[in-house]
Amino acid sequence: MRTFIRSLFGRLGYVKASEVVTISEDQAEQLRAAEAFVENWTNSGLASTLIEDYTCTLGCSEAETYADVFRAFGYYVLAEDIVHDHAEYDECGDAHHICGLDCIVDDEDPFELAA
């Protein structure tokens, strides 16, 4: 009977018992803490406030890591806002910088007409 139920759930797209990952109590505690952090910071608005206050001082990897935490819990829009707001302060050549008129390659003159 147990095999039949596993097979049935597997056909419906549910995880098979052999694919279930077992985690330690320490890992479960870490996941609960991460979930509480995300929920509290998101519900209080602090996550958004932190974006506005610190995006100009976060490095690319810091902004990505901060965004990844929220992305992992399904806050995709907030995660994209984190990276987008960070990108506004990136300099030309940085990972998230959006090149515009402020980007001038040293060896090219953007005002020189092609011959």
Protein backbone atom coordinates (compact mmCIF):
# COMPACT_ATOMS: atom_id res chain seq x y z
CA MET A 1 0.00 0.00 0.00
CA ARG A 2 2.82 2.42 0.90
CA THR A 3 4.46 1.81 -2.49
CA PHE A 4 1.16 2.47 -4.23
CA ILE A 5 0.71 5.79 -2.40
CA ARG A 6 4.28 6.87 -3.21
CA SER A 7 3.73 5.94 -6.84
CA LEU A 8 0.43 7.81 -6.95
CA PHE A 9 1.93 10.95 -5.40
CA GLY A 10 4.89 10.67 -7.77
CA ARG A 11 2.58 10.62 -10.78
CA LEU A 12 0.80 13.70 -9.46
CA GLY A 13 4.10 15.58 -9.32
CA TYR A 14 4.75 15.31 -5.63
CA VAL A 15 8.21 14.51 -4.31
CA LYS A 16 8.98 10.83 -4.00
CA ALA A 17 9.98 9.59 -0.58
CA SER A 18 13.46 8.76 -1.89
CA GLU A 19 13.89 12.41 -2.95
CA VAL A 20 13.03 13.89 0.41
CA VAL A 21 16.01 15.60 2.01
CA THR A 22 16.54 15.13 5.70
CA ILE A 23 18.00 18.07 7.59
CA SER A 24 19.45 18.29 11.06
CA GLU A 25 17.74 20.12 13.91
CA ASP A 26 20.42 22.84 13.64
CA GLN A 27 19.62 23.32 9.94
CA ALA A 28 15.90 23.41 10.69
CA GLU A 29 16.54 26.07 13.33
CA GLN A 30 18.55 28.11 10.84
CA LEU A 31 15.74 27.89 8.28
CA ARG A 32 13.16 28.98 10.86
CA ALA A 33 15.37 31.93 11.81
CA ALA A 34 15.84 32.93 8.16
CA GLU A 35 12.10 32.68 7.54
CA ALA A 36 11.35 34.79 10.64
CA PHE A 37 13.91 37.38 9.51
CA VAL A 38 12.39 37.67 6.03
CA GLU A 39 8.81 37.80 7.29
CA ASN A 40 9.53 40.37 9.99
CA TRP A 41 11.67 42.63 7.81
CA THR A 42 9.19 42.45 4.94
CA ASN A 43 6.07 43.01 7.06
CA SER A 44 7.63 45.89 8.99
CA GLY A 45 8.81 47.63 5.83
CA LEU A 46 12.39 47.60 7.08
CA ALA A 47 13.58 45.60 4.07
CA SER A 48 12.40 48.37 1.72
CA THR A 49 13.76 51.11 3.98
CA LEU A 50 17.14 49.42 4.07
CA ILE A 51 17.17 49.38 0.28
CA GLU A 52 16.71 53.15 0.14
CA ASP A 53 19.22 53.82 2.91
CA TYR A 54 22.05 51.47 1.98
CA THR A 55 21.90 50.60 -1.72
CA CYS A 56 24.61 53.13 -2.43
CA THR A 57 26.97 51.44 0.02
CA LEU A 58 26.27 47.78 -0.76
CA GLY A 59 28.73 46.05 -3.04
CA CYS A 60 27.44 43.94 -5.90
CA SER A 61 27.83 40.64 -4.05
CA GLU A 62 26.24 42.10 -0.91
CA ALA A 63 23.23 43.36 -2.88
CA GLU A 64 22.87 39.99 -4.62
CA THR A 65 23.09 38.09 -1.34
CA TYR A 66 20.54 40.39 0.31
CA ALA A 67 18.22 39.93 -2.67
CA ASP A 68 18.76 36.14 -2.68
CA VAL A 69 17.47 35.87 0.89
CA PHE A 70 14.16 37.47 -0.07
CA ARG A 71 14.00 35.66 -3.42
CA ALA A 72 14.36 32.31 -1.65
CA PHE A 73 11.17 33.04 0.30
CA GLY A 74 9.17 34.16 -2.72
CA TYR A 75 9.62 37.93 -2.49
CA TYR A 76 10.74 38.24 -6.10
CA VAL A 77 9.66 41.85 -6.63
CA LEU A 78 11.46 42.99 -3.49
CA ALA A 79 14.58 41.09 -4.58
CA GLU A 80 14.52 42.77 -7.98
CA ASP A 81 14.00 46.16 -6.32
CA ILE A 82 17.08 45.56 -4.19
CA VAL A 83 19.25 44.84 -7.23
CA HIS A 84 17.70 47.64 -9.31
CA ASP A 85 18.16 50.25 -6.58
CA HIS A 86 21.70 49.07 -6.01
CA ALA A 87 22.40 49.35 -9.75
CA GLU A 88 21.62 53.07 -9.67
CA TYR A 89 24.80 53.58 -7.63
CA ASP A 90 27.01 51.14 -9.54
CA GLU A 91 29.74 52.66 -11.63
CA CYS A 92 30.44 51.88 -15.25
CA GLY A 93 31.96 48.41 -15.43
CA ASP A 94 30.26 47.12 -12.24
CA ALA A 95 28.05 44.06 -12.54
CA HIS A 96 24.68 45.79 -12.18
CA HIS A 97 25.41 49.16 -13.76
CA ILE A 98 23.06 50.22 -16.52
CA CYS A 99 25.13 52.09 -19.08
CA GLY A 100 23.80 55.40 -20.21
CA LEU A 101 25.15 58.76 -21.23
CA ASP A 102 27.39 58.77 -18.16
CA CYS A 103 29.37 55.83 -19.58
CA ILE A 104 32.15 56.89 -21.88
CA VAL A 105 34.82 54.45 -22.92
CA ASP A 106 38.20 56.14 -22.53
CA ASP A 107 39.48 55.32 -26.00
CA GLU A 108 36.34 56.50 -27.82
CA ASP A 109 34.98 59.98 -28.31
CA PRO A 110 31.18 59.71 -28.37
CA PHE A 111 30.94 63.05 -30.17
CA GLU A 112 33.38 62.20 -32.94
CA LEU A 113 31.65 61.69 -36.27
CA ALA A 114 32.39 58.51 -38.18
CA ALA A 115 34.48 59.16 -41.27
